[in-house]
Amino acid sequence: MRKTTRTRVRGWQWRPNELRRHSDVLEARIVLLTWALAVAGGVAAGIAGADAMEGVVERQRAQTTPVSALLVREVPASTRNVETGAVYGQVVAEVRWTDQDGAVRTDWTKADPGTKAGAALTVWTDGHGHLGPSPISQAHAAGLLALTGASTAAAGGALVLLGGRAVRRQVEERATECWGTEWGQVGPGWEHKTG
């Protein structure tokens, strides 16, 4: 069986042509509109996603407060896992600090190996006196914003492209049905009778 190849001529839907159907022009306009909306929608989604992530980062920064805490016990200098042999860069240690109300609090945080008891460490509290993670750095926040913006832009654009493809498929199916109906009317006159 011979395989047929299709020749593509770019822009033929826009040029005056006797073989051009209304559905061809409609398909070309759908493609053009879909790409324009995908770019615009992707940019809008990317900006909205980056703004939302920026709000999350700012809320996290606003809710954390740096506090100076003292190490309760000395941290062992050797932080090697006996089973795996892995060396830890930081270990969990107990710290004590005084909160805004003057209450003395203790909790656990990470400290460098070999740190002496009584050493001052900066820890971050959540406003309720509980230790929390340190706020996101500027570089990490910029990376998160860029990643969030790019991924939401790509998702928004892809969603529009999928919608445009679905509309175009409907137009193609309708055009094929119309073509089949027209061929059903014209085709019998073209048949060769053998016999």
Protein backbone atom coordinates (compact mmCIF):
# COMPACT_ATOMS: atom_id res chain seq x y z
CA MET A 1 0.00 0.00 0.00
CA ARG A 2 1.41 3.38 -0.97
CA LYS A 3 1.66 6.04 1.66
CA THR A 4 0.35 9.44 0.63
CA THR A 5 2.22 12.52 1.64
CA ARG A 6 0.61 15.86 2.25
CA THR A 7 2.09 19.03 0.91
CA ARG A 8 1.69 21.97 3.24
CA VAL A 9 1.38 25.47 1.87
CA ARG A 10 1.57 28.04 4.63
CA GLY A 11 -0.98 30.80 4.66
CA TRP A 12 -3.21 29.36 1.97
CA GLN A 13 -6.27 29.93 4.16
CA TRP A 14 -5.74 33.69 3.93
CA ARG A 15 -5.16 33.97 0.17
CA PRO A 16 -8.02 34.23 -2.32
CA ASN A 17 -8.56 30.72 -3.62
CA GLU A 18 -11.48 29.06 -5.37
CA LEU A 19 -10.97 25.88 -3.37
CA ARG A 20 -10.90 27.67 -0.03
CA ARG A 21 -13.92 26.84 2.07
CA HIS A 22 -15.50 28.96 4.77
CA SER A 23 -14.40 26.36 7.34
CA ASP A 24 -10.75 26.81 6.24
CA VAL A 25 -10.91 30.53 6.97
CA LEU A 26 -12.68 29.84 10.27
CA GLU A 27 -10.00 27.30 11.26
CA ALA A 28 -7.22 29.76 10.44
CA ARG A 29 -8.88 32.45 12.55
CA ILE A 30 -9.36 30.00 15.43
CA VAL A 31 -5.67 29.07 15.33
CA LEU A 32 -4.59 32.71 15.25
CA LEU A 33 -6.96 33.69 18.05
CA THR A 34 -5.98 30.65 20.14
CA TRP A 35 -2.27 31.48 19.96
CA ALA A 36 -2.89 35.14 20.78
CA LEU A 37 -5.07 34.18 23.75
CA ALA A 38 -2.56 31.52 24.86
CA VAL A 39 0.24 34.07 24.98
CA ALA A 40 -1.90 36.71 26.71
CA GLY A 41 -3.49 34.18 29.05
CA GLY A 42 -0.13 32.63 29.86
CA VAL A 43 1.37 36.00 30.72
CA ALA A 44 -1.65 36.91 32.87
CA ALA A 45 -1.56 33.54 34.65
CA GLY A 46 2.19 33.86 35.23
CA ILE A 47 1.82 37.32 36.73
CA ALA A 48 -1.07 36.18 38.94
CA GLY A 49 0.87 33.11 40.09
CA ALA A 50 3.99 35.14 40.89
CA ASP A 51 1.89 37.71 42.79
CA ALA A 52 0.24 34.96 44.83
CA MET A 53 3.60 33.42 45.68
CA GLU A 54 4.98 36.84 46.60
CA GLY A 55 2.07 37.26 49.03
CA VAL A 56 2.87 33.89 50.62
CA VAL A 57 6.55 34.82 50.99
CA GLU A 58 5.71 38.22 52.50
CA ARG A 59 3.23 36.67 54.98
CA GLN A 60 5.84 34.14 56.03
CA ARG A 61 8.41 36.89 56.55
CA ALA A 62 5.95 39.05 58.49
CA GLN A 63 5.00 36.18 60.82
CA THR A 64 8.57 35.29 61.84
CA THR A 65 10.65 37.21 64.35
CA PRO A 66 14.38 36.70 65.00
CA VAL A 67 15.23 35.92 68.65
CA SER A 68 18.60 35.42 70.31
CA ALA A 69 18.65 32.05 72.11
CA LEU A 70 21.28 30.31 74.22
CA LEU A 71 22.36 26.72 73.70
CA VAL A 72 21.40 24.65 76.77
CA ARG A 73 23.93 21.79 76.31
CA GLU A 74 27.11 21.39 74.33
CA VAL A 75 26.63 19.83 70.90
CA PRO A 76 28.86 16.79 70.31
CA ALA A 77 31.72 17.39 67.89
CA SER A 78 31.28 13.98 66.25
CA THR A 79 28.04 13.82 64.29
CA ARG A 80 28.58 10.64 62.33
CA ASN A 81 25.74 8.15 61.93
CA VAL A 82 26.93 4.86 63.40
CA GLU A 83 24.94 2.71 60.96
CA THR A 84 25.54 4.55 57.67
CA GLY A 85 28.70 6.50 58.40
CA ALA A 86 27.11 9.71 57.11
CA VAL A 87 28.45 12.96 58.61
CA TYR A 88 25.85 15.56 59.58
CA GLY A 89 26.49 19.26 59.02
CA GLN A 90 24.05 20.22 61.78
CA VAL A 91 22.40 18.43 64.67
CA VAL A 92 19.31 19.06 66.76
CA ALA A 93 20.07 20.90 70.02
CA GLU A 94 18.05 22.41 72.85
CA VAL A 95 17.93 26.23 73.14
CA ARG A 96 16.44 28.66 75.66
CA TRP A 97 15.18 32.21 75.06
CA THR A 98 12.96 34.85 76.59
CA ASP A 99 9.86 35.79 74.57
CA GLN A 100 8.24 39.24 74.23
CA ASP A 101 6.14 38.67 77.38
CA GLY A 102 9.24 37.85 79.46
CA ALA A 103 8.51 34.12 79.68
CA VAL A 104 11.50 31.77 79.39
CA ARG A 105 10.97 29.18 76.69
CA THR A 106 12.92 26.14 75.51
CA ASP A 107 12.71 24.24 72.26
CA TRP A 108 14.85 22.30 69.81
CA THR A 109 16.62 23.70 66.76
CA LYS A 110 19.60 22.88 64.54
CA ALA A 111 23.13 23.82 65.64
CA ASP A 112 26.65 23.25 64.32
CA PRO A 113 28.58 20.29 65.76
CA GLY A 114 30.95 21.20 68.58
CA THR A 115 29.02 24.34 69.64
CA LYS A 116 29.57 25.01 73.35
CA ALA A 117 26.79 25.36 75.93
CA GLY A 118 25.73 28.98 76.41
CA ALA A 119 26.57 29.96 72.83
CA ALA A 120 24.14 32.47 71.30
CA LEU A 121 22.11 31.32 68.30
CA THR A 122 19.57 33.24 66.25
CA VAL A 123 16.26 31.38 66.05
CA TRP A 124 12.96 32.42 64.49
CA THR A 125 9.64 32.45 66.33
CA ASP A 126 6.15 32.53 64.86
CA GLY A 127 4.71 35.23 67.13
CA HIS A 128 3.13 32.66 69.48
CA GLY A 129 6.44 31.76 71.09
CA HIS A 130 7.02 28.65 68.98
CA LEU A 131 10.15 28.09 66.93
CA GLY A 132 9.69 28.02 63.20
CA PRO A 133 11.82 27.95 60.08
CA SER A 134 13.92 30.94 59.14
CA PRO A 135 12.32 33.20 56.51
CA ILE A 136 13.01 32.55 52.87
CA SER A 137 16.09 34.36 51.57
CA GLN A 138 15.86 36.94 48.78
CA ALA A 139 17.55 34.59 46.29
CA HIS A 140 15.28 31.67 47.23
CA ALA A 141 12.20 33.93 47.04
CA ALA A 142 13.24 35.22 43.60
CA GLY A 143 13.68 31.63 42.40
CA LEU A 144 10.27 30.63 43.78
CA LEU A 145 8.60 33.61 42.14
CA ALA A 146 10.23 32.87 38.78
CA LEU A 147 9.39 29.17 38.96
CA THR A 148 5.80 29.82 40.02
CA GLY A 149 5.32 32.47 37.35
CA ALA A 150 6.79 30.32 34.60
CA SER A 151 4.85 27.19 35.55
CA THR A 152 1.50 28.98 35.86
CA ALA A 153 2.18 30.79 32.58
CA ALA A 154 2.88 27.48 30.85
CA ALA A 155 -0.18 25.85 32.41
CA GLY A 156 -2.44 28.78 31.52
CA GLY A 157 -1.17 28.89 27.93
CA ALA A 158 -1.51 25.12 27.54
CA LEU A 159 -5.07 25.23 28.83
CA VAL A 160 -6.01 27.86 26.24
CA LEU A 161 -4.29 25.87 23.48
CA LEU A 162 -6.21 22.74 24.47
CA GLY A 163 -9.47 24.69 24.41
CA GLY A 164 -8.61 26.12 20.99
CA ARG A 165 -7.77 22.65 19.71
CA ALA A 166 -11.15 21.37 20.91
CA VAL A 167 -12.98 24.19 19.11
CA ARG A 168 -10.94 23.61 15.96
CA ARG A 169 -11.73 19.90 16.07
CA GLN A 170 -15.47 20.71 16.22
CA VAL A 171 -15.11 22.97 13.17
CA GLU A 172 -13.19 20.25 11.31
CA GLU A 173 -15.84 17.63 12.14
CA ARG A 174 -18.64 19.93 11.00
CA ALA A 175 -16.76 20.71 7.77
CA THR A 176 -16.22 16.99 7.15
CA GLU A 177 -19.93 16.31 7.67
CA CYS A 178 -20.85 19.10 5.22
CA TRP A 179 -18.32 17.82 2.71
CA GLY A 180 -19.78 14.29 3.04
CA THR A 181 -23.29 15.63 2.46
CA GLU A 182 -22.19 17.61 -0.61
CA TRP A 183 -20.27 14.63 -1.99
CA GLY A 184 -23.36 12.48 -1.46
CA GLN A 185 -25.25 14.87 -3.78
CA VAL A 186 -22.52 15.29 -6.41
CA GLY A 187 -20.69 11.95 -6.20
CA PRO A 188 -23.30 9.73 -7.93
CA GLY A 189 -22.95 11.80 -11.12
CA TRP A 190 -19.22 11.10 -11.21
CA GLU A 191 -19.42 7.33 -10.90
CA HIS A 192 -18.35 5.34 -13.93
CA LYS A 193 -20.65 2.57 -14.91
CA THR A 194 -18.90 -0.54 -16.02
CA GLY A 195 -20.60 -3.43 -17.46
